[in-house]
Amino acid sequence: MEFCPTCGIMLQYELPYMDRPSRFACSSCPYVCNMETRVKLKRKEPLGKKEIQPIFTQDSMMEGPQTEVTCPSCKFGKAVYHELQTRSADEPMTIFYMCANRDCKHRWNE
């Protein structure tokens, strides 16, 4: 893909016509880039995978808001929670809980 250096729009490929060579042309400004008869291959380095950084760590989540809800694992009466929009905007937010009992730290959602 080539982009117009003037306006940044993706250039359109135009087939050769009569004595004109094939070229890339911008649809919004007069910029034209004639293609060479020999094609240059560009070699690009493959992208490497990055290490995944967690959004919430257990320590940072324990500092969040707490609510009175019973843990299904240890029956402790408080849990830390956070809400995320995991589906479309017309659906309710998903609430993720983590037991406030430091020995349990069970996670669940609703």
PDB file of N, CA and C in Angstrom:
ATOM      1  N   MET A   1       0.835  -1.177   0.000  1.00  0.00           N
ATOM      2  CA  MET A   1       0.000   0.000   0.000  1.00  0.00           C
ATOM      3  C   MET A   1       0.880   1.240   0.000  1.00  0.00           C
ATOM      4  N   GLU A   2       0.490   2.164  -0.782  1.00  0.00           N
ATOM      5  CA  GLU A   2       1.192   3.438  -0.866  1.00  0.00           C
ATOM      6  C   GLU A   2       0.221   4.547  -0.478  1.00  0.00           C
ATOM      7  N   PHE A   3       0.758   5.576   0.162  1.00  0.00           N
ATOM      8  CA  PHE A   3      -0.072   6.693   0.601  1.00  0.00           C
ATOM      9  C   PHE A   3       0.436   7.992  -0.001  1.00  0.00           C
ATOM     10  N   CYS A   4      -0.491   8.891  -0.245  1.00  0.00           N
ATOM     11  CA  CYS A   4      -0.162  10.191  -0.832  1.00  0.00           C
ATOM     12  C   CYS A   4       0.650  11.008   0.175  1.00  0.00           C
ATOM     13  N   PRO A   5       1.829  11.517  -0.235  1.00  0.00           N
ATOM     14  CA  PRO A   5       2.630  12.329   0.687  1.00  0.00           C
ATOM     15  C   PRO A   5       2.011  13.711   0.934  1.00  0.00           C
ATOM     16  N   THR A   6       1.078  14.136   0.085  1.00  0.00           N
ATOM     17  CA  THR A   6       0.456  15.453   0.235  1.00  0.00           C
ATOM     18  C   THR A   6      -0.708  15.422   1.215  1.00  0.00           C
ATOM     19  N   CYS A   7      -1.646  14.462   0.979  1.00  0.00           N
ATOM     20  CA  CYS A   7      -2.861  14.469   1.808  1.00  0.00           C
ATOM     21  C   CYS A   7      -3.041  13.212   2.650  1.00  0.00           C
ATOM     22  N   GLY A   8      -2.212  12.182   2.460  1.00  0.00           N
ATOM     23  CA  GLY A   8      -2.252  11.001   3.318  1.00  0.00           C
ATOM     24  C   GLY A   8      -3.265   9.941   2.934  1.00  0.00           C
ATOM     25  N   ILE A   9      -3.991  10.125   1.838  1.00  0.00           N
ATOM     26  CA  ILE A   9      -4.989   9.147   1.399  1.00  0.00           C
ATOM     27  C   ILE A   9      -4.282   8.007   0.668  1.00  0.00           C
ATOM     28  N   MET A  10      -4.827   6.784   0.778  1.00  0.00           N
ATOM     29  CA  MET A  10      -4.236   5.643   0.094  1.00  0.00           C
ATOM     30  C   MET A  10      -4.338   5.836  -1.419  1.00  0.00           C
ATOM     31  N   LEU A  11      -3.218   5.637  -2.099  1.00  0.00           N
ATOM     32  CA  LEU A  11      -3.184   5.826  -3.545  1.00  0.00           C
ATOM     33  C   LEU A  11      -3.872   4.669  -4.257  1.00  0.00           C
ATOM     34  N   GLN A  12      -4.501   4.981  -5.390  1.00  0.00           N
ATOM     35  CA  GLN A  12      -5.187   3.974  -6.195  1.00  0.00           C
ATOM     36  C   GLN A  12      -4.287   3.561  -7.355  1.00  0.00           C
ATOM     37  N   TYR A  13      -4.283   2.254  -7.639  1.00  0.00           N
ATOM     38  CA  TYR A  13      -3.488   1.742  -8.748  1.00  0.00           C
ATOM     39  C   TYR A  13      -4.238   1.984 -10.048  1.00  0.00           C
ATOM     40  N   GLU A  14      -3.534   2.526 -11.038  1.00  0.00           N
ATOM     41  CA  GLU A  14      -4.110   2.732 -12.367  1.00  0.00           C
ATOM     42  C   GLU A  14      -3.334   1.905 -13.371  1.00  0.00           C
ATOM     43  N   LEU A  15      -4.048   1.156 -14.190  1.00  0.00           N
ATOM     44  CA  LEU A  15      -3.433   0.313 -15.222  1.00  0.00           C
ATOM     45  C   LEU A  15      -2.756   1.174 -16.272  1.00  0.00           C
ATOM     46  N   PRO A  16      -1.756   0.609 -16.975  1.00  0.00           N
ATOM     47  CA  PRO A  16      -1.125   1.386 -18.055  1.00  0.00           C
ATOM     48  C   PRO A  16      -2.140   1.676 -19.162  1.00  0.00           C
ATOM     49  N   TYR A  17      -2.005   2.849 -19.768  1.00  0.00           N
ATOM     50  CA  TYR A  17      -2.924   3.259 -20.827  1.00  0.00           C
ATOM     51  C   TYR A  17      -2.127   3.899 -21.953  1.00  0.00           C
ATOM     52  N   MET A  18      -2.240   3.362 -23.130  1.00  0.00           N
ATOM     53  CA  MET A  18      -1.515   3.811 -24.330  1.00  0.00           C
ATOM     54  C   MET A  18      -0.014   3.893 -24.015  1.00  0.00           C
ATOM     55  N   ASP A  19       0.588   5.078 -24.040  1.00  0.00           N
ATOM     56  CA  ASP A  19       2.024   5.192 -23.766  1.00  0.00           C
ATOM     57  C   ASP A  19       2.331   5.517 -22.297  1.00  0.00           C
ATOM     58  N   ARG A  20       1.301   5.652 -21.471  1.00  0.00           N
ATOM     59  CA  ARG A  20       1.487   5.971 -20.052  1.00  0.00           C
ATOM     60  C   ARG A  20       1.758   4.678 -19.272  1.00  0.00           C
ATOM     61  N   PRO A  21       2.774   4.656 -18.402  1.00  0.00           N
ATOM     62  CA  PRO A  21       3.026   3.446 -17.599  1.00  0.00           C
ATOM     63  C   PRO A  21       1.981   3.301 -16.480  1.00  0.00           C
ATOM     64  N   SER A  22       1.975   2.139 -15.873  1.00  0.00           N
ATOM     65  CA  SER A  22       1.090   1.968 -14.720  1.00  0.00           C
ATOM     66  C   SER A  22       1.565   2.908 -13.617  1.00  0.00           C
ATOM     67  N   ARG A  23       0.628   3.322 -12.771  1.00  0.00           N
ATOM     68  CA  ARG A  23       0.985   4.324 -11.774  1.00  0.00           C
ATOM     69  C   ARG A  23       0.031   4.266 -10.581  1.00  0.00           C
ATOM     70  N   PHE A  24       0.431   4.953  -9.542  1.00  0.00           N
ATOM     71  CA  PHE A  24      -0.416   5.175  -8.379  1.00  0.00           C
ATOM     72  C   PHE A  24      -0.866   6.630  -8.449  1.00  0.00           C
ATOM     73  N   ALA A  25      -2.167   6.853  -8.228  1.00  0.00           N
ATOM     74  CA  ALA A  25      -2.698   8.213  -8.291  1.00  0.00           C
ATOM     75  C   ALA A  25      -3.579   8.475  -7.081  1.00  0.00           C
ATOM     76  N   CYS A  26      -3.546   9.714  -6.627  1.00  0.00           N
ATOM     77  CA  CYS A  26      -4.379  10.131  -5.496  1.00  0.00           C
ATOM     78  C   CYS A  26      -5.751  10.541  -6.028  1.00  0.00           C
ATOM     79  N   SER A  27      -6.797  10.133  -5.313  1.00  0.00           N
ATOM     80  CA  SER A  27      -8.158  10.464  -5.753  1.00  0.00           C
ATOM     81  C   SER A  27      -8.619  11.841  -5.279  1.00  0.00           C
ATOM     82  N   SER A  28      -7.857  12.480  -4.378  1.00  0.00           N
ATOM     83  CA  SER A  28      -8.309  13.780  -3.878  1.00  0.00           C
ATOM     84  C   SER A  28      -7.399  14.951  -4.247  1.00  0.00           C
ATOM     85  N   CYS A  29      -6.198  14.671  -4.743  1.00  0.00           N
ATOM     86  CA  CYS A  29      -5.301  15.750  -5.173  1.00  0.00           C
ATOM     87  C   CYS A  29      -4.594  15.298  -6.447  1.00  0.00           C
ATOM     88  N   PRO A  30      -3.855  16.156  -7.115  1.00  0.00           N
ATOM     89  CA  PRO A  30      -3.256  15.788  -8.399  1.00  0.00           C
ATOM     90  C   PRO A  30      -1.980  14.936  -8.298  1.00  0.00           C
ATOM     91  N   TYR A  31      -1.618  14.428  -7.138  1.00  0.00           N
ATOM     92  CA  TYR A  31      -0.382  13.659  -6.985  1.00  0.00           C
ATOM     93  C   TYR A  31      -0.448  12.359  -7.777  1.00  0.00           C
ATOM     94  N   VAL A  32       0.626  12.067  -8.525  1.00  0.00           N
ATOM     95  CA  VAL A  32       0.750  10.835  -9.313  1.00  0.00           C
ATOM     96  C   VAL A  32       2.154  10.292  -9.107  1.00  0.00           C
ATOM     97  N   CYS A  33       2.259   8.997  -8.956  1.00  0.00           N
ATOM     98  CA  CYS A  33       3.552   8.335  -8.794  1.00  0.00           C
ATOM     99  C   CYS A  33       3.644   7.238  -9.850  1.00  0.00           C
ATOM    100  N   ASN A  34       4.449   7.461 -10.908  1.00  0.00           N
ATOM    101  CA  ASN A  34       4.612   6.454 -11.959  1.00  0.00           C
ATOM    102  C   ASN A  34       5.396   5.276 -11.408  1.00  0.00           C
ATOM    103  N   MET A  35       4.983   4.085 -11.810  1.00  0.00           N
ATOM    104  CA  MET A  35       5.673   2.874 -11.346  1.00  0.00           C
ATOM    105  C   MET A  35       6.861   2.599 -12.262  1.00  0.00           C
ATOM    106  N   GLU A  36       7.909   2.099 -11.690  1.00  0.00           N
ATOM    107  CA  GLU A  36       9.082   1.750 -12.472  1.00  0.00           C
ATOM    108  C   GLU A  36       8.815   0.440 -13.203  1.00  0.00           C
ATOM    109  N   THR A  37       9.579   0.190 -14.248  1.00  0.00           N
ATOM    110  CA  THR A  37       9.383  -1.052 -14.996  1.00  0.00           C
ATOM    111  C   THR A  37       9.837  -2.248 -14.173  1.00  0.00           C
ATOM    112  N   ARG A  38      10.818  -2.059 -13.343  1.00  0.00           N
ATOM    113  CA  ARG A  38      11.256  -3.127 -12.448  1.00  0.00           C
ATOM    114  C   ARG A  38      10.643  -2.887 -11.074  1.00  0.00           C
ATOM    115  N   VAL A  39      10.170  -3.935 -10.513  1.00  0.00           N
ATOM    116  CA  VAL A  39       9.537  -3.824  -9.199  1.00  0.00           C
ATOM    117  C   VAL A  39      10.603  -4.028  -8.136  1.00  0.00           C
ATOM    118  N   LYS A  40      10.628  -3.156  -7.162  1.00  0.00           N
ATOM    119  CA  LYS A  40      11.545  -3.292  -6.045  1.00  0.00           C
ATOM    120  C   LYS A  40      10.835  -4.014  -4.921  1.00  0.00           C
ATOM    121  N   LEU A  41      11.445  -5.035  -4.414  1.00  0.00           N
ATOM    122  CA  LEU A  41      10.869  -5.764  -3.287  1.00  0.00           C
ATOM    123  C   LEU A  41      11.396  -5.155  -2.001  1.00  0.00           C
ATOM    124  N   LYS A  42      10.502  -4.893  -1.118  1.00  0.00           N
ATOM    125  CA  LYS A  42      10.882  -4.362   0.181  1.00  0.00           C
ATOM    126  C   LYS A  42      10.831  -5.493   1.187  1.00  0.00           C
ATOM    127  N   ARG A  43      11.868  -5.613   1.931  1.00  0.00           N
ATOM    128  CA  ARG A  43      11.915  -6.643   2.961  1.00  0.00           C
ATOM    129  C   ARG A  43      11.655  -5.987   4.300  1.00  0.00           C
ATOM    130  N   LYS A  44      10.722  -6.547   5.014  1.00  0.00           N
ATOM    131  CA  LYS A  44      10.388  -5.994   6.318  1.00  0.00           C
ATOM    132  C   LYS A  44      10.648  -7.050   7.376  1.00  0.00           C
ATOM    133  N   GLU A  45      11.074  -6.588   8.512  1.00  0.00           N
ATOM    134  CA  GLU A  45      11.317  -7.488   9.622  1.00  0.00           C
ATOM    135  C   GLU A  45       9.995  -7.982  10.189  1.00  0.00           C
ATOM    136  N   PRO A  46       9.905  -9.246  10.543  1.00  0.00           N
ATOM    137  CA  PRO A  46       8.661  -9.751  11.148  1.00  0.00           C
ATOM    138  C   PRO A  46       8.453  -9.120  12.525  1.00  0.00           C
ATOM    139  N   LEU A  47       7.205  -8.940  12.864  1.00  0.00           N
ATOM    140  CA  LEU A  47       6.876  -8.369  14.163  1.00  0.00           C
ATOM    141  C   LEU A  47       7.059  -9.417  15.247  1.00  0.00           C
ATOM    142  N   GLY A  48       7.639  -9.013  16.334  1.00  0.00           N
ATOM    143  CA  GLY A  48       7.810  -9.913  17.462  1.00  0.00           C
ATOM    144  C   GLY A  48       6.675  -9.736  18.457  1.00  0.00           C
ATOM    145  N   LYS A  49       6.397 -10.795  19.173  1.00  0.00           N
ATOM    146  CA  LYS A  49       5.333 -10.709  20.172  1.00  0.00           C
ATOM    147  C   LYS A  49       5.846  -9.973  21.400  1.00  0.00           C
ATOM    148  N   LYS A  50       4.994  -9.104  21.900  1.00  0.00           N
ATOM    149  CA  LYS A  50       5.344  -8.367  23.108  1.00  0.00           C
ATOM    150  C   LYS A  50       4.866  -9.140  24.330  1.00  0.00           C
ATOM    151  N   GLU A  51       5.527  -8.882  25.425  1.00  0.00           N
ATOM    152  CA  GLU A  51       5.106  -9.500  26.673  1.00  0.00           C
ATOM    153  C   GLU A  51       3.799  -8.845  27.117  1.00  0.00           C
ATOM    154  N   ILE A  52       2.861  -9.665  27.542  1.00  0.00           N
ATOM    155  CA  ILE A  52       1.553  -9.162  27.954  1.00  0.00           C
ATOM    156  C   ILE A  52       1.668  -8.529  29.333  1.00  0.00           C
ATOM    157  N   GLN A  53       1.218  -7.290  29.419  1.00  0.00           N
ATOM    158  CA  GLN A  53       1.199  -6.566  30.679  1.00  0.00           C
ATOM    159  C   GLN A  53      -0.220  -6.620  31.239  1.00  0.00           C
ATOM    160  N   PRO A  54      -0.413  -7.145  32.432  1.00  0.00           N
ATOM    161  CA  PRO A  54      -1.775  -7.212  32.974  1.00  0.00           C
ATOM    162  C   PRO A  54      -2.330  -5.816  33.276  1.00  0.00           C
ATOM    163  N   ILE A  55      -3.609  -5.649  33.013  1.00  0.00           N
ATOM    164  CA  ILE A  55      -4.268  -4.373  33.294  1.00  0.00           C
ATOM    165  C   ILE A  55      -4.432  -4.209  34.801  1.00  0.00           C
ATOM    166  N   PHE A  56      -4.877  -5.283  35.440  1.00  0.00           N
ATOM    167  CA  PHE A  56      -5.065  -5.283  36.885  1.00  0.00           C
ATOM    168  C   PHE A  56      -4.179  -6.362  37.479  1.00  0.00           C
ATOM    169  N   THR A  57      -3.368  -6.007  38.460  1.00  0.00           N
ATOM    170  CA  THR A  57      -2.634  -7.011  39.225  1.00  0.00           C
ATOM    171  C   THR A  57      -3.442  -7.311  40.482  1.00  0.00           C
ATOM    172  N   GLN A  58      -3.131  -8.416  41.141  1.00  0.00           N
ATOM    173  CA  GLN A  58      -3.875  -8.755  42.355  1.00  0.00           C
ATOM    174  C   GLN A  58      -3.697  -7.682  43.426  1.00  0.00           C
ATOM    175  N   ASP A  59      -2.503  -7.135  43.526  1.00  0.00           N
ATOM    176  CA  ASP A  59      -2.269  -6.101  44.549  1.00  0.00           C
ATOM    177  C   ASP A  59      -3.062  -4.827  44.238  1.00  0.00           C
ATOM    178  N   SER A  60      -3.072  -4.402  42.971  1.00  0.00           N
ATOM    179  CA  SER A  60      -3.803  -3.179  42.635  1.00  0.00           C
ATOM    180  C   SER A  60      -5.310  -3.406  42.727  1.00  0.00           C
ATOM    181  N   MET A  61      -5.750  -4.630  42.459  1.00  0.00           N
ATOM    182  CA  MET A  61      -7.183  -4.906  42.537  1.00  0.00           C
ATOM    183  C   MET A  61      -7.661  -4.903  43.993  1.00  0.00           C
ATOM    184  N   MET A  62      -6.807  -5.302  44.926  1.00  0.00           N
ATOM    185  CA  MET A  62      -7.195  -5.308  46.341  1.00  0.00           C
ATOM    186  C   MET A  62      -7.402  -3.893  46.879  1.00  0.00           C
ATOM    187  N   GLU A  63      -6.860  -2.885  46.177  1.00  0.00           N
ATOM    188  CA  GLU A  63      -7.036  -1.495  46.594  1.00  0.00           C
ATOM    189  C   GLU A  63      -8.309  -0.877  46.028  1.00  0.00           C
ATOM    190  N   GLY A  64      -9.037  -1.612  45.197  1.00  0.00           N
ATOM    191  CA  GLY A  64     -10.232  -1.091  44.547  1.00  0.00           C
ATOM    192  C   GLY A  64     -11.436  -1.045  45.481  1.00  0.00           C
ATOM    193  N   PRO A  65     -12.606  -0.685  44.944  1.00  0.00           N
ATOM    194  CA  PRO A  65     -13.817  -0.596  45.760  1.00  0.00           C
ATOM    195  C   PRO A  65     -14.275  -1.972  46.244  1.00  0.00           C
ATOM    196  N   GLN A  66     -14.874  -1.995  47.424  1.00  0.00           N
ATOM    197  CA  GLN A  66     -15.367  -3.248  48.001  1.00  0.00           C
ATOM    198  C   GLN A  66     -16.883  -3.206  48.106  1.00  0.00           C
ATOM    199  N   THR A  67     -17.468  -4.387  48.064  1.00  0.00           N
ATOM    200  CA  THR A  67     -18.905  -4.528  48.226  1.00  0.00           C
ATOM    201  C   THR A  67     -19.185  -5.750  49.091  1.00  0.00           C
ATOM    202  N   GLU A  68     -20.380  -5.783  49.623  1.00  0.00           N
ATOM    203  CA  GLU A  68     -20.771  -6.921  50.449  1.00  0.00           C
ATOM    204  C   GLU A  68     -21.430  -7.970  49.573  1.00  0.00           C
ATOM    205  N   VAL A  69     -20.660  -8.960  49.202  1.00  0.00           N
ATOM    206  CA  VAL A  69     -21.135 -10.088  48.419  1.00  0.00           C
ATOM    207  C   VAL A  69     -20.406 -11.323  48.947  1.00  0.00           C
ATOM    208  N   THR A  70     -21.072 -12.458  48.931  1.00  0.00           N
ATOM    209  CA  THR A  70     -20.499 -13.675  49.499  1.00  0.00           C
ATOM    210  C   THR A  70     -19.644 -14.395  48.467  1.00  0.00           C
ATOM    211  N   CYS A  71     -18.433 -14.737  48.862  1.00  0.00           N
ATOM    212  CA  CYS A  71     -17.514 -15.486  48.003  1.00  0.00           C
ATOM    213  C   CYS A  71     -18.041 -16.912  47.845  1.00  0.00           C
ATOM    214  N   PRO A  72     -18.176 -17.428  46.624  1.00  0.00           N
ATOM    215  CA  PRO A  72     -18.673 -18.794  46.449  1.00  0.00           C
ATOM    216  C   PRO A  72     -17.678 -19.858  46.905  1.00  0.00           C
ATOM    217  N   SER A  73     -16.424 -19.493  47.094  1.00  0.00           N
ATOM    218  CA  SER A  73     -15.410 -20.461  47.485  1.00  0.00           C
ATOM    219  C   SER A  73     -15.263 -20.576  49.001  1.00  0.00           C
ATOM    220  N   CYS A  74     -15.065 -19.437  49.696  1.00  0.00           N
ATOM    221  CA  CYS A  74     -14.794 -19.482  51.136  1.00  0.00           C
ATOM    222  C   CYS A  74     -15.920 -18.888  51.974  1.00  0.00           C
ATOM    223  N   LYS A  75     -16.966 -18.341  51.349  1.00  0.00           N
ATOM    224  CA  LYS A  75     -18.132 -17.753  52.015  1.00  0.00           C
ATOM    225  C   LYS A  75     -17.801 -16.475  52.785  1.00  0.00           C
ATOM    226  N   PHE A  76     -16.675 -15.829  52.465  1.00  0.00           N
ATOM    227  CA  PHE A  76     -16.325 -14.550  53.083  1.00  0.00           C
ATOM    228  C   PHE A  76     -17.320 -13.505  52.588  1.00  0.00           C
ATOM    229  N   GLY A  77     -17.655 -12.526  53.396  1.00  0.00           N
ATOM    230  CA  GLY A  77     -18.749 -11.598  53.096  1.00  0.00           C
ATOM    231  C   GLY A  77     -18.391 -10.357  52.316  1.00  0.00           C
ATOM    232  N   LYS A  78     -17.139 -10.154  51.909  1.00  0.00           N
ATOM    233  CA  LYS A  78     -16.754  -8.959  51.156  1.00  0.00           C
ATOM    234  C   LYS A  78     -15.909  -9.357  49.949  1.00  0.00           C
ATOM    235  N   ALA A  79     -16.021  -8.545  48.921  1.00  0.00           N
ATOM    236  CA  ALA A  79     -15.220  -8.768  47.712  1.00  0.00           C
ATOM    237  C   ALA A  79     -14.876  -7.427  47.081  1.00  0.00           C
ATOM    238  N   VAL A  80     -13.744  -7.393  46.434  1.00  0.00           N
ATOM    239  CA  VAL A  80     -13.310  -6.237  45.665  1.00  0.00           C
ATOM    240  C   VAL A  80     -13.845  -6.449  44.250  1.00  0.00           C
ATOM    241  N   TYR A  81     -14.243  -5.366  43.563  1.00  0.00           N
ATOM    242  CA  TYR A  81     -14.816  -5.525  42.232  1.00  0.00           C
ATOM    243  C   TYR A  81     -14.345  -4.439  41.280  1.00  0.00           C
ATOM    244  N   HIS A  82     -14.489  -4.725  39.995  1.00  0.00           N
ATOM    245  CA  HIS A  82     -14.333  -3.713  38.944  1.00  0.00           C
ATOM    246  C   HIS A  82     -15.262  -4.092  37.796  1.00  0.00           C
ATOM    247  N   GLU A  83     -15.668  -3.087  37.034  1.00  0.00           N
ATOM    248  CA  GLU A  83     -16.622  -3.288  35.944  1.00  0.00           C
ATOM    249  C   GLU A  83     -15.955  -3.001  34.601  1.00  0.00           C
ATOM    250  N   LEU A  84     -16.277  -3.831  33.615  1.00  0.00           N
ATOM    251  CA  LEU A  84     -15.779  -3.617  32.255  1.00  0.00           C
ATOM    252  C   LEU A  84     -16.906  -3.833  31.263  1.00  0.00           C
ATOM    253  N   GLN A  85     -16.874  -3.069  30.186  1.00  0.00           N
ATOM    254  CA  GLN A  85     -17.845  -3.257  29.108  1.00  0.00           C
ATOM    255  C   GLN A  85     -17.271  -4.319  28.180  1.00  0.00           C
ATOM    256  N   THR A  86     -17.742  -5.554  28.310  1.00  0.00           N
ATOM    257  CA  THR A  86     -17.190  -6.659  27.520  1.00  0.00           C
ATOM    258  C   THR A  86     -18.020  -6.960  26.288  1.00  0.00           C
ATOM    259  N   ARG A  87     -19.234  -6.478  26.237  1.00  0.00           N
ATOM    260  CA  ARG A  87     -20.106  -6.723  25.092  1.00  0.00           C
ATOM    261  C   ARG A  87     -20.506  -5.393  24.473  1.00  0.00           C
ATOM    262  N   SER A  88     -21.531  -5.391  23.647  1.00  0.00           N
ATOM    263  CA  SER A  88     -21.949  -4.152  22.994  1.00  0.00           C
ATOM    264  C   SER A  88     -22.485  -3.147  24.017  1.00  0.00           C
ATOM    265  N   ALA A  89     -22.596  -1.910  23.606  1.00  0.00           N
ATOM    266  CA  ALA A  89     -22.964  -0.827  24.521  1.00  0.00           C
ATOM    267  C   ALA A  89     -24.367  -0.966  25.089  1.00  0.00           C
ATOM    268  N   ASP A  90     -25.265  -1.668  24.384  1.00  0.00           N
ATOM    269  CA  ASP A  90     -26.627  -1.811  24.904  1.00  0.00           C
ATOM    270  C   ASP A  90     -26.747  -2.959  25.906  1.00  0.00           C
ATOM    271  N   GLU A  91     -25.673  -3.697  26.136  1.00  0.00           N
ATOM    272  CA  GLU A  91     -25.650  -4.772  27.132  1.00  0.00           C
ATOM    273  C   GLU A  91     -25.110  -4.208  28.454  1.00  0.00           C
ATOM    274  N   PRO A  92     -25.494  -4.811  29.579  1.00  0.00           N
ATOM    275  CA  PRO A  92     -24.945  -4.316  30.855  1.00  0.00           C
ATOM    276  C   PRO A  92     -23.460  -4.633  30.987  1.00  0.00           C
ATOM    277  N   MET A  93     -22.795  -3.868  31.844  1.00  0.00           N
ATOM    278  CA  MET A  93     -21.368  -4.086  32.084  1.00  0.00           C
ATOM    279  C   MET A  93     -21.170  -5.385  32.855  1.00  0.00           C
ATOM    280  N   THR A  94     -20.007  -6.026  32.657  1.00  0.00           N
ATOM    281  CA  THR A  94     -19.666  -7.233  33.391  1.00  0.00           C
ATOM    282  C   THR A  94     -18.932  -6.835  34.661  1.00  0.00           C
ATOM    283  N   ILE A  95     -19.346  -7.389  35.788  1.00  0.00           N
ATOM    284  CA  ILE A  95     -18.715  -7.084  37.074  1.00  0.00           C
ATOM    285  C   ILE A  95     -17.790  -8.252  37.427  1.00  0.00           C
ATOM    286  N   PHE A  96     -16.526  -7.942  37.662  1.00  0.00           N
ATOM    287  CA  PHE A  96     -15.529  -8.935  38.047  1.00  0.00           C
ATOM    288  C   PHE A  96     -15.250  -8.767  39.537  1.00  0.00           C
ATOM    289  N   TYR A  97     -15.365  -9.876  40.277  1.00  0.00           N
ATOM    290  CA  TYR A  97     -15.150  -9.862  41.723  1.00  0.00           C
ATOM    291  C   TYR A  97     -13.889 -10.627  42.075  1.00  0.00           C
ATOM    292  N   MET A  98     -13.265 -10.218  43.192  1.00  0.00           N
ATOM    293  CA  MET A  98     -12.183 -10.975  43.796  1.00  0.00           C
ATOM    294  C   MET A  98     -12.400 -10.948  45.298  1.00  0.00           C
ATOM    295  N   CYS A  99     -12.372 -12.118  45.905  1.00  0.00           N
ATOM    296  CA  CYS A  99     -12.621 -12.238  47.339  1.00  0.00           C
ATOM    297  C   CYS A  99     -11.646 -11.357  48.114  1.00  0.00           C
ATOM    298  N   ALA A 100     -12.149 -10.611  49.098  1.00  0.00           N
ATOM    299  CA  ALA A 100     -11.320  -9.714  49.908  1.00  0.00           C
ATOM    300  C   ALA A 100     -10.542 -10.461  50.985  1.00  0.00           C
ATOM    301  N   ASN A 101     -10.841 -11.731  51.173  1.00  0.00           N
ATOM    302  CA  ASN A 101     -10.086 -12.563  52.107  1.00  0.00           C
ATOM    303  C   ASN A 101      -8.705 -12.816  51.499  1.00  0.00           C
ATOM    304  N   ARG A 102      -7.650 -12.336  52.147  1.00  0.00           N
ATOM    305  CA  ARG A 102      -6.297 -12.415  51.581  1.00  0.00           C
ATOM    306  C   ARG A 102      -5.816 -13.854  51.410  1.00  0.00           C
ATOM    307  N   ASP A 103      -6.404 -14.813  52.133  1.00  0.00           N
ATOM    308  CA  ASP A 103      -6.015 -16.215  51.978  1.00  0.00           C
ATOM    309  C   ASP A 103      -6.734 -16.881  50.798  1.00  0.00           C
ATOM    310  N   CYS A 104      -7.859 -16.339  50.362  1.00  0.00           N
ATOM    311  CA  CYS A 104      -8.675 -16.957  49.320  1.00  0.00           C
ATOM    312  C   CYS A 104      -8.394 -16.354  47.936  1.00  0.00           C
ATOM    313  N   LYS A 105      -8.703 -15.071  47.758  1.00  0.00           N
ATOM    314  CA  LYS A 105      -8.532 -14.331  46.501  1.00  0.00           C
ATOM    315  C   LYS A 105      -9.204 -15.020  45.303  1.00  0.00           C
ATOM    316  N   HIS A 106     -10.312 -15.697  45.560  1.00  0.00           N
ATOM    317  CA  HIS A 106     -11.068 -16.348  44.488  1.00  0.00           C
ATOM    318  C   HIS A 106     -11.660 -15.290  43.556  1.00  0.00           C
ATOM    319  N   ARG A 107     -11.686 -15.578  42.242  1.00  0.00           N
ATOM    320  CA  ARG A 107     -12.230 -14.636  41.259  1.00  0.00           C
ATOM    321  C   ARG A 107     -13.466 -15.222  40.603  1.00  0.00           C
ATOM    322  N   TRP A 108     -14.464 -14.357  40.365  1.00  0.00           N
ATOM    323  CA  TRP A 108     -15.664 -14.745  39.627  1.00  0.00           C
ATOM    324  C   TRP A 108     -16.284 -13.497  39.029  1.00  0.00           C
ATOM    325  N   ASN A 109     -17.236 -13.706  38.159  1.00  0.00           N
ATOM    326  CA  ASN A 109     -17.885 -12.549  37.525  1.00  0.00           C
ATOM    327  C   ASN A 109     -19.372 -12.807  37.365  1.00  0.00           C
ATOM    328  N   GLU A 110     -20.106 -11.712  37.115  1.00  0.00           N
ATOM    329  CA  GLU A 110     -21.543 -11.826  36.845  1.00  0.00           C
ATOM    330  C   GLU A 110     -21.975 -10.769  35.865  1.00  0.00           C
TER     331      GLU A 110
END
